[in-house]
Amino acid sequence: MCSTATVEAPAPARFLTVGQVSKLTGVAVQTLNNWRSTRLAGPPWLKLSGRFVRYERAAVEAWLASRTVTPDR
């Protein structure tokens, strides 16, 4: 007898690495690094210690949504 257990997909990670944000947004890692160093652009980030940087997924998604441009009609 074979049981059919439902396998749930893992929940998306709450915190993302610079590489993951790069893949999600299509923005190069170096560009994200430059934005962080100038503090003038890009999604908000967390600096946990030294060079240990993470982005909160919800903050990145909100940042992306805030960049939506609706054309004038």
PDB file of N, CA and C in Angstrom:
ATOM      1  N   MET A   1       0.845  -1.172   0.000  1.00  0.00           N
ATOM      2  CA  MET A   1       0.000   0.000   0.000  1.00  0.00           C
ATOM      3  C   MET A   1       0.892   1.238   0.000  1.00  0.00           C
ATOM      4  N   CYS A   2       0.546   2.192  -0.781  1.00  0.00           N
ATOM      5  CA  CYS A   2       1.348   3.404  -0.933  1.00  0.00           C
ATOM      6  C   CYS A   2       0.554   4.593  -0.391  1.00  0.00           C
ATOM      7  N   SER A   3       1.156   5.343   0.499  1.00  0.00           N
ATOM      8  CA  SER A   3       0.448   6.515   1.014  1.00  0.00           C
ATOM      9  C   SER A   3       0.833   7.739   0.193  1.00  0.00           C
ATOM     10  N   THR A   4      -0.105   8.630   0.051  1.00  0.00           N
ATOM     11  CA  THR A   4       0.142   9.860  -0.705  1.00  0.00           C
ATOM     12  C   THR A   4       0.173  11.024   0.271  1.00  0.00           C
ATOM     13  N   ALA A   5       1.325  11.278   0.815  1.00  0.00           N
ATOM     14  CA  ALA A   5       1.496  12.389   1.754  1.00  0.00           C
ATOM     15  C   ALA A   5       1.649  13.678   0.964  1.00  0.00           C
ATOM     16  N   THR A   6       1.033  14.707   1.470  1.00  0.00           N
ATOM     17  CA  THR A   6       1.158  16.009   0.840  1.00  0.00           C
ATOM     18  C   THR A   6       2.465  16.653   1.282  1.00  0.00           C
ATOM     19  N   VAL A   7       3.254  17.070   0.323  1.00  0.00           N
ATOM     20  CA  VAL A   7       4.526  17.739   0.621  1.00  0.00           C
ATOM     21  C   VAL A   7       4.332  19.224   0.376  1.00  0.00           C
ATOM     22  N   GLU A   8       4.540  19.992   1.423  1.00  0.00           N
ATOM     23  CA  GLU A   8       4.400  21.442   1.294  1.00  0.00           C
ATOM     24  C   GLU A   8       5.734  22.053   0.914  1.00  0.00           C
ATOM     25  N   ALA A   9       5.675  23.073   0.080  1.00  0.00           N
ATOM     26  CA  ALA A   9       6.896  23.792  -0.283  1.00  0.00           C
ATOM     27  C   ALA A   9       7.387  24.560   0.940  1.00  0.00           C
ATOM     28  N   PRO A  10       8.698  24.666   1.099  1.00  0.00           N
ATOM     29  CA  PRO A  10       9.206  25.418   2.244  1.00  0.00           C
ATOM     30  C   PRO A  10       8.824  26.893   2.133  1.00  0.00           C
ATOM     31  N   ALA A  11       8.618  27.515   3.263  1.00  0.00           N
ATOM     32  CA  ALA A  11       8.297  28.943   3.273  1.00  0.00           C
ATOM     33  C   ALA A  11       9.499  29.720   2.760  1.00  0.00           C
ATOM     34  N   PRO A  12       9.258  30.795   2.012  1.00  0.00           N
ATOM     35  CA  PRO A  12      10.390  31.585   1.539  1.00  0.00           C
ATOM     36  C   PRO A  12      11.151  32.174   2.725  1.00  0.00           C
ATOM     37  N   ALA A  13      12.435  32.295   2.568  1.00  0.00           N
ATOM     38  CA  ALA A  13      13.277  32.834   3.631  1.00  0.00           C
ATOM     39  C   ALA A  13      12.903  34.279   3.921  1.00  0.00           C
ATOM     40  N   ARG A  14      12.915  34.632   5.199  1.00  0.00           N
ATOM     41  CA  ARG A  14      12.591  36.009   5.594  1.00  0.00           C
ATOM     42  C   ARG A  14      13.737  36.958   5.245  1.00  0.00           C
ATOM     43  N   PHE A  15      14.955  36.465   5.363  1.00  0.00           N
ATOM     44  CA  PHE A  15      16.125  37.300   5.098  1.00  0.00           C
ATOM     45  C   PHE A  15      16.864  36.786   3.873  1.00  0.00           C
ATOM     46  N   LEU A  16      17.334  37.705   3.049  1.00  0.00           N
ATOM     47  CA  LEU A  16      17.982  37.362   1.790  1.00  0.00           C
ATOM     48  C   LEU A  16      19.418  37.866   1.773  1.00  0.00           C
ATOM     49  N   THR A  17      20.270  37.124   1.079  1.00  0.00           N
ATOM     50  CA  THR A  17      21.642  37.572   0.866  1.00  0.00           C
ATOM     51  C   THR A  17      21.664  38.579  -0.281  1.00  0.00           C
ATOM     52  N   VAL A  18      22.806  39.217  -0.453  1.00  0.00           N
ATOM     53  CA  VAL A  18      22.960  40.164  -1.563  1.00  0.00           C
ATOM     54  C   VAL A  18      22.754  39.435  -2.892  1.00  0.00           C
ATOM     55  N   GLY A  19      23.285  38.231  -3.011  1.00  0.00           N
ATOM     56  CA  GLY A  19      23.113  37.454  -4.239  1.00  0.00           C
ATOM     57  C   GLY A  19      21.659  37.121  -4.524  1.00  0.00           C
ATOM     58  N   GLN A  20      20.923  36.784  -3.484  1.00  0.00           N
ATOM     59  CA  GLN A  20      19.497  36.473  -3.664  1.00  0.00           C
ATOM     60  C   GLN A  20      18.711  37.709  -4.080  1.00  0.00           C
ATOM     61  N   VAL A  21      19.046  38.860  -3.494  1.00  0.00           N
ATOM     62  CA  VAL A  21      18.372  40.109  -3.882  1.00  0.00           C
ATOM     63  C   VAL A  21      18.713  40.451  -5.327  1.00  0.00           C
ATOM     64  N   SER A  22      19.953  40.202  -5.710  1.00  0.00           N
ATOM     65  CA  SER A  22      20.365  40.439  -7.091  1.00  0.00           C
ATOM     66  C   SER A  22      19.521  39.611  -8.051  1.00  0.00           C
ATOM     67  N   LYS A  23      19.334  38.332  -7.751  1.00  0.00           N
ATOM     68  CA  LYS A  23      18.525  37.462  -8.612  1.00  0.00           C
ATOM     69  C   LYS A  23      17.059  37.894  -8.624  1.00  0.00           C
ATOM     70  N   LEU A  24      16.549  38.297  -7.460  1.00  0.00           N
ATOM     71  CA  LEU A  24      15.144  38.692  -7.351  1.00  0.00           C
ATOM     72  C   LEU A  24      14.860  39.977  -8.128  1.00  0.00           C
ATOM     73  N   THR A  25      15.792  40.934  -8.077  1.00  0.00           N
ATOM     74  CA  THR A  25      15.560  42.246  -8.674  1.00  0.00           C
ATOM     75  C   THR A  25      16.165  42.419 -10.058  1.00  0.00           C
ATOM     76  N   GLY A  26      17.147  41.577 -10.393  1.00  0.00           N
ATOM     77  CA  GLY A  26      17.846  41.756 -11.663  1.00  0.00           C
ATOM     78  C   GLY A  26      18.907  42.837 -11.592  1.00  0.00           C
ATOM     79  N   VAL A  27      19.227  43.294 -10.393  1.00  0.00           N
ATOM     80  CA  VAL A  27      20.249  44.320 -10.181  1.00  0.00           C
ATOM     81  C   VAL A  27      21.550  43.613  -9.809  1.00  0.00           C
ATOM     82  N   ALA A  28      22.646  44.002 -10.421  1.00  0.00           N
ATOM     83  CA  ALA A  28      23.935  43.362 -10.171  1.00  0.00           C
ATOM     84  C   ALA A  28      24.347  43.494  -8.705  1.00  0.00           C
ATOM     85  N   VAL A  29      25.055  42.482  -8.205  1.00  0.00           N
ATOM     86  CA  VAL A  29      25.553  42.498  -6.826  1.00  0.00           C
ATOM     87  C   VAL A  29      26.391  43.756  -6.598  1.00  0.00           C
ATOM     88  N   GLN A  30      27.264  44.082  -7.544  1.00  0.00           N
ATOM     89  CA  GLN A  30      28.121  45.260  -7.386  1.00  0.00           C
ATOM     90  C   GLN A  30      27.296  46.540  -7.279  1.00  0.00           C
ATOM     91  N   THR A  31      26.214  46.622  -8.026  1.00  0.00           N
ATOM     92  CA  THR A  31      25.340  47.800  -7.939  1.00  0.00           C
ATOM     93  C   THR A  31      24.695  47.877  -6.560  1.00  0.00           C
ATOM     94  N   LEU A  32      24.216  46.761  -6.043  1.00  0.00           N
ATOM     95  CA  LEU A  32      23.642  46.745  -4.692  1.00  0.00           C
ATOM     96  C   LEU A  32      24.694  47.175  -3.670  1.00  0.00           C
ATOM     97  N   ASN A  33      25.917  46.675  -3.827  1.00  0.00           N
ATOM     98  CA  ASN A  33      26.998  47.069  -2.920  1.00  0.00           C
ATOM     99  C   ASN A  33      27.280  48.562  -3.010  1.00  0.00           C
ATOM    100  N   ASN A  34      27.292  49.104  -4.223  1.00  0.00           N
ATOM    101  CA  ASN A  34      27.520  50.543  -4.406  1.00  0.00           C
ATOM    102  C   ASN A  34      26.399  51.356  -3.774  1.00  0.00           C
ATOM    103  N   TRP A  35      25.165  50.928  -3.977  1.00  0.00           N
ATOM    104  CA  TRP A  35      24.038  51.637  -3.387  1.00  0.00           C
ATOM    105  C   TRP A  35      24.150  51.662  -1.871  1.00  0.00           C
ATOM    106  N   ARG A  36      24.549  50.529  -1.288  1.00  0.00           N
ATOM    107  CA  ARG A  36      24.701  50.488   0.177  1.00  0.00           C
ATOM    108  C   ARG A  36      25.814  51.417   0.636  1.00  0.00           C
ATOM    109  N   SER A  37      26.916  51.442  -0.095  1.00  0.00           N
ATOM    110  CA  SER A  37      28.054  52.258   0.346  1.00  0.00           C
ATOM    111  C   SER A  37      27.748  53.744   0.261  1.00  0.00           C
ATOM    112  N   THR A  38      26.918  54.150  -0.706  1.00  0.00           N
ATOM    113  CA  THR A  38      26.570  55.573  -0.822  1.00  0.00           C
ATOM    114  C   THR A  38      25.343  55.936   0.008  1.00  0.00           C
ATOM    115  N   ARG A  39      24.560  54.910   0.370  1.00  0.00           N
ATOM    116  CA  ARG A  39      23.319  55.097   1.147  1.00  0.00           C
ATOM    117  C   ARG A  39      22.306  56.018   0.458  1.00  0.00           C
ATOM    118  N   LEU A  40      22.378  56.100  -0.858  1.00  0.00           N
ATOM    119  CA  LEU A  40      21.497  56.995  -1.604  1.00  0.00           C
ATOM    120  C   LEU A  40      20.422  56.258  -2.400  1.00  0.00           C
ATOM    121  N   ALA A  41      20.546  54.946  -2.518  1.00  0.00           N
ATOM    122  CA  ALA A  41      19.584  54.203  -3.343  1.00  0.00           C
ATOM    123  C   ALA A  41      19.490  52.778  -2.843  1.00  0.00           C
ATOM    124  N   GLY A  42      18.537  52.056  -3.408  1.00  0.00           N
ATOM    125  CA  GLY A  42      18.404  50.636  -3.130  1.00  0.00           C
ATOM    126  C   GLY A  42      17.460  50.329  -1.987  1.00  0.00           C
ATOM    127  N   PRO A  43      17.175  49.041  -1.854  1.00  0.00           N
ATOM    128  CA  PRO A  43      16.282  48.604  -0.777  1.00  0.00           C
ATOM    129  C   PRO A  43      16.977  48.692   0.583  1.00  0.00           C
ATOM    130  N   PRO A  44      16.204  48.827   1.651  1.00  0.00           N
ATOM    131  CA  PRO A  44      16.805  48.866   2.992  1.00  0.00           C
ATOM    132  C   PRO A  44      17.474  47.530   3.320  1.00  0.00           C
ATOM    133  N   TRP A  45      18.520  47.583   4.135  1.00  0.00           N
ATOM    134  CA  TRP A  45      19.260  46.383   4.484  1.00  0.00           C
ATOM    135  C   TRP A  45      19.546  46.339   5.967  1.00  0.00           C
ATOM    136  N   LEU A  46      19.970  45.175   6.413  1.00  0.00           N
ATOM    137  CA  LEU A  46      20.359  44.965   7.802  1.00  0.00           C
ATOM    138  C   LEU A  46      21.854  44.679   7.817  1.00  0.00           C
ATOM    139  N   LYS A  47      22.580  45.383   8.653  1.00  0.00           N
ATOM    140  CA  LYS A  47      24.005  45.099   8.828  1.00  0.00           C
ATOM    141  C   LYS A  47      24.133  44.441  10.186  1.00  0.00           C
ATOM    142  N   LEU A  48      24.273  43.128  10.177  1.00  0.00           N
ATOM    143  CA  LEU A  48      24.252  42.359  11.411  1.00  0.00           C
ATOM    144  C   LEU A  48      25.581  42.429  12.139  1.00  0.00           C
ATOM    145  N   SER A  49      26.691  42.431  11.413  1.00  0.00           N
ATOM    146  CA  SER A  49      28.012  42.630  12.002  1.00  0.00           C
ATOM    147  C   SER A  49      29.032  42.719  10.886  1.00  0.00           C
ATOM    148  N   GLY A  50      29.980  43.585  11.035  1.00  0.00           N
ATOM    149  CA  GLY A  50      31.035  43.712  10.028  1.00  0.00           C
ATOM    150  C   GLY A  50      30.478  43.799   8.629  1.00  0.00           C
ATOM    151  N   ARG A  51      30.782  42.795   7.832  1.00  0.00           N
ATOM    152  CA  ARG A  51      30.328  42.763   6.441  1.00  0.00           C
ATOM    153  C   ARG A  51      29.140  41.837   6.250  1.00  0.00           C
ATOM    154  N   PHE A  52      28.516  41.411   7.334  1.00  0.00           N
ATOM    155  CA  PHE A  52      27.393  40.477   7.281  1.00  0.00           C
ATOM    156  C   PHE A  52      26.117  41.269   7.039  1.00  0.00           C
ATOM    157  N   VAL A  53      25.667  41.292   5.769  1.00  0.00           N
ATOM    158  CA  VAL A  53      24.521  42.094   5.345  1.00  0.00           C
ATOM    159  C   VAL A  53      23.395  41.171   4.889  1.00  0.00           C
ATOM    160  N   ARG A  54      22.188  41.501   5.283  1.00  0.00           N
ATOM    161  CA  ARG A  54      21.004  40.780   4.822  1.00  0.00           C
ATOM    162  C   ARG A  54      19.922  41.793   4.486  1.00  0.00           C
ATOM    163  N   TYR A  55      19.006  41.366   3.639  1.00  0.00           N
ATOM    164  CA  TYR A  55      17.852  42.170   3.265  1.00  0.00           C
ATOM    165  C   TYR A  55      16.607  41.425   3.717  1.00  0.00           C
ATOM    166  N   GLU A  56      15.667  42.133   4.293  1.00  0.00           N
ATOM    167  CA  GLU A  56      14.408  41.502   4.666  1.00  0.00           C
ATOM    168  C   GLU A  56      13.539  41.409   3.406  1.00  0.00           C
ATOM    169  N   ARG A  57      13.048  40.214   3.130  1.00  0.00           N
ATOM    170  CA  ARG A  57      12.275  39.985   1.902  1.00  0.00           C
ATOM    171  C   ARG A  57      11.122  40.988   1.760  1.00  0.00           C
ATOM    172  N   ALA A  58      10.371  41.211   2.828  1.00  0.00           N
ATOM    173  CA  ALA A  58       9.225  42.126   2.764  1.00  0.00           C
ATOM    174  C   ALA A  58       9.673  43.542   2.415  1.00  0.00           C
ATOM    175  N   ALA A  59      10.832  43.970   2.928  1.00  0.00           N
ATOM    176  CA  ALA A  59      11.338  45.315   2.641  1.00  0.00           C
ATOM    177  C   ALA A  59      11.759  45.426   1.176  1.00  0.00           C
ATOM    178  N   VAL A  60      12.361  44.371   0.643  1.00  0.00           N
ATOM    179  CA  VAL A  60      12.760  44.383  -0.772  1.00  0.00           C
ATOM    180  C   VAL A  60      11.517  44.420  -1.655  1.00  0.00           C
ATOM    181  N   GLU A  61      10.512  43.626  -1.320  1.00  0.00           N
ATOM    182  CA  GLU A  61       9.281  43.618  -2.107  1.00  0.00           C
ATOM    183  C   GLU A  61       8.568  44.967  -2.029  1.00  0.00           C
ATOM    184  N   ALA A  62       8.559  45.599  -0.862  1.00  0.00           N
ATOM    185  CA  ALA A  62       7.950  46.929  -0.727  1.00  0.00           C
ATOM    186  C   ALA A  62       8.734  47.958  -1.541  1.00  0.00           C
ATOM    187  N   TRP A  63      10.060  47.847  -1.506  1.00  0.00           N
ATOM    188  CA  TRP A  63      10.908  48.765  -2.284  1.00  0.00           C
ATOM    189  C   TRP A  63      10.612  48.616  -3.768  1.00  0.00           C
ATOM    190  N   LEU A  64      10.503  47.373  -4.236  1.00  0.00           N
ATOM    191  CA  LEU A  64      10.173  47.139  -5.645  1.00  0.00           C
ATOM    192  C   LEU A  64       8.802  47.730  -5.991  1.00  0.00           C
ATOM    193  N   ALA A  65       7.814  47.506  -5.137  1.00  0.00           N
ATOM    194  CA  ALA A  65       6.464  48.030  -5.385  1.00  0.00           C
ATOM    195  C   ALA A  65       6.459  49.553  -5.440  1.00  0.00           C
ATOM    196  N   SER A  66       7.307  50.174  -4.638  1.00  0.00           N
ATOM    197  CA  SER A  66       7.349  51.644  -4.617  1.00  0.00           C
ATOM    198  C   SER A  66       7.976  52.211  -5.888  1.00  0.00           C
ATOM    199  N   ARG A  67       8.618  51.353  -6.669  1.00  0.00           N
ATOM    200  CA  ARG A  67       9.254  51.794  -7.916  1.00  0.00           C
ATOM    201  C   ARG A  67       8.333  51.621  -9.127  1.00  0.00           C
ATOM    202  N   THR A  68       7.132  51.128  -8.909  1.00  0.00           N
ATOM    203  CA  THR A  68       6.203  50.905 -10.016  1.00  0.00           C
ATOM    204  C   THR A  68       5.781  52.239 -10.607  1.00  0.00           C
ATOM    205  N   VAL A  69       5.883  52.327 -11.909  1.00  0.00           N
ATOM    206  CA  VAL A  69       5.502  53.543 -12.623  1.00  0.00           C
ATOM    207  C   VAL A  69       4.274  53.223 -13.459  1.00  0.00           C
ATOM    208  N   THR A  70       3.235  54.019 -13.284  1.00  0.00           N
ATOM    209  CA  THR A  70       2.016  53.862 -14.071  1.00  0.00           C
ATOM    210  C   THR A  70       2.025  54.928 -15.155  1.00  0.00           C
ATOM    211  N   PRO A  71       1.974  54.529 -16.426  1.00  0.00           N
ATOM    212  CA  PRO A  71       2.009  55.523 -17.493  1.00  0.00           C
ATOM    213  C   PRO A  71       0.755  56.402 -17.496  1.00  0.00           C
ATOM    214  N   ASP A  72       0.953  57.644 -17.850  1.00  0.00           N
ATOM    215  CA  ASP A  72      -0.183  58.556 -18.019  1.00  0.00           C
ATOM    216  C   ASP A  72      -0.965  58.129 -19.249  1.00  0.00           C
ATOM    217  N   ARG A  73      -2.246  58.191 -19.128  1.00  0.00           N
ATOM    218  CA  ARG A  73      -3.086  57.792 -20.278  1.00  0.00           C
ATOM    219  C   ARG A  73      -3.946  58.917 -20.716  1.00  0.00           C
TER     220      ARG A  73
END
